[in-house]
Protein backbone atom coordinates (compact mmCIF):
# COMPACT_ATOMS: atom_id res chain seq x y z
CA MET A 1 100.04 78.02 154.81
CA LEU A 2 99.38 81.73 155.34
CA THR A 3 99.70 84.07 151.59
CA ARG A 4 99.16 87.63 151.60
CA VAL A 5 97.30 89.19 149.73
CA GLY A 6 96.91 92.73 149.73
CA ARG A 7 95.67 93.66 153.25
CA VAL A 8 94.66 90.58 154.24
CA GLU A 9 96.57 86.64 155.26
CA ILE A 10 94.24 84.21 154.13
CA LEU A 11 95.26 80.26 154.03
CA LYS A 12 95.68 78.33 151.03
CA LEU A 13 92.86 76.24 150.97
CA THR A 14 89.98 75.63 148.40
CA ALA A 15 87.16 76.38 150.47
CA VAL A 16 86.46 80.38 149.92
CA PRO A 17 87.43 82.70 153.13
CA LEU A 18 85.34 85.60 152.08
CA PRO A 19 82.14 84.68 152.73
CA GLU A 20 80.20 88.01 152.13
CA ALA A 21 82.41 88.31 148.58
CA ALA A 22 78.90 87.90 146.95
CA THR A 23 77.27 90.96 148.92
CA ASP A 24 80.68 93.04 150.16
CA ALA A 25 82.63 94.94 147.33
CA THR A 26 85.87 95.00 149.72
CA GLU A 27 85.62 91.37 150.02
CA PHE A 28 84.92 90.65 146.33
CA ASP A 29 87.75 92.64 145.84
CA LEU A 30 90.30 90.76 148.14
CA LEU A 31 88.64 87.31 146.16
CA GLN A 32 89.54 88.56 142.78
CA GLU A 33 93.04 89.96 144.06
CA TRP A 34 93.57 85.85 145.69
CA LEU A 35 92.46 84.39 142.66
CA LYS A 36 94.64 86.04 140.43
CA SER A 37 97.88 85.01 142.65
CA TYR A 38 97.20 81.36 140.90
CA LYS A 39 97.82 83.18 137.88
CA PRO A 40 95.00 81.83 135.66
CA GLU A 41 96.24 84.17 132.11
CA GLU A 42 99.39 81.44 132.73
CA LEU A 43 97.50 78.26 132.51
CA PHE A 44 93.85 79.09 130.36
CA HIS A 45 94.08 80.80 127.03
CA PRO A 46 90.19 81.22 126.30
CA ASP A 47 91.00 83.04 122.57
CA ALA A 48 93.58 80.41 121.22
CA GLU A 49 92.59 76.85 119.58
CA VAL A 50 93.28 75.44 123.02
CA LEU A 51 91.77 76.71 125.98
CA ILE A 52 93.81 74.57 129.29
CA ASP A 53 97.42 75.00 128.70
CA GLU A 54 99.22 72.14 128.22
CA LYS A 55 100.92 72.28 131.93
CA VAL A 56 97.84 71.43 133.20
CA THR A 57 96.85 68.65 130.88
CA ARG A 58 99.79 66.44 130.61
CA ILE A 59 98.87 64.99 133.68
CA VAL A 60 96.18 63.68 133.33
CA PRO A 61 95.73 60.39 131.46
CA LYS A 62 95.35 60.75 127.73
CA ASN A 63 93.34 56.81 127.94
CA PRO A 64 89.45 58.18 129.27
CA ASN A 65 88.95 54.90 131.08
CA SER A 66 92.15 55.52 132.72
CA ARG A 67 91.36 58.75 134.40
CA LEU A 68 90.39 58.22 137.76
CA GLY A 69 86.64 58.68 137.41
CA GLN A 70 86.01 56.29 134.84
CA VAL A 71 87.84 53.45 136.57
CA LYS A 72 85.17 50.89 137.84
CA ALA A 73 87.39 50.17 140.23
CA THR A 74 87.03 53.68 142.10
CA TYR A 75 83.44 52.89 142.43
CA ALA A 76 82.41 49.21 141.89
CA GLY A 77 82.33 48.51 145.04
CA TYR A 78 80.41 50.87 146.68
CA THR A 79 77.25 50.13 148.82
CA GLN A 80 74.95 52.11 150.58
CA LEU A 81 75.76 51.85 154.40
CA SER A 82 72.74 50.90 155.94
CA SER A 83 72.75 52.31 159.63
CA PRO A 84 70.41 51.56 162.29
CA ASP A 85 67.72 54.21 162.98
CA TRP A 86 68.62 56.53 165.82
CA LYS A 87 65.92 58.61 166.39
CA PRO A 88 65.31 55.70 169.73
CA PHE A 89 68.46 57.24 171.24
CA ALA A 90 67.32 60.69 170.65
CA HIS A 91 66.70 63.01 173.60
CA GLU A 92 64.89 66.68 174.00
CA LYS A 93 67.21 69.72 173.72
CA GLY A 94 68.41 70.65 177.12
CA THR A 95 67.52 67.26 178.84
CA VAL A 96 70.21 65.83 180.97
CA ILE A 97 71.22 62.57 180.09
CA SER A 98 73.67 60.18 180.80
CA ASN A 99 75.81 58.61 177.55
CA MET A 100 76.48 55.70 179.92
CA LYS A 101 72.96 54.34 179.53
CA ALA A 102 72.16 51.40 177.47
C-alpha cells in the first residue's frame, strides 16, 4: 500500500524506506513526517501515569503465560537444523559449472 508523505510516496512497511535518514537532513525530515503519520501521540502518553494507551494494551493477554513469547508450545519443539557441509559443492567465482552434476 502506497502512502503519500510530504513529497514522497512510500510503502507502508516495517523496514525504513529511507536508508540515509541518519545522515541526510531531507531524508530525516521525510522519515519523521512518515512516523508522525502513525499518530504516536494518540497511543503513547509520556506524562501520564500509564505510558501506553488502552487501545494498544487491550489486545495483550492479561495472563503473562498466555502471551505468544511466553507460551512454551511456541518454542518447545525447536531443534537446531542439522545441515550438511556445503563447502564440497562450492566452486570458484566465475567458473562455468553444470548444476546437473551430482
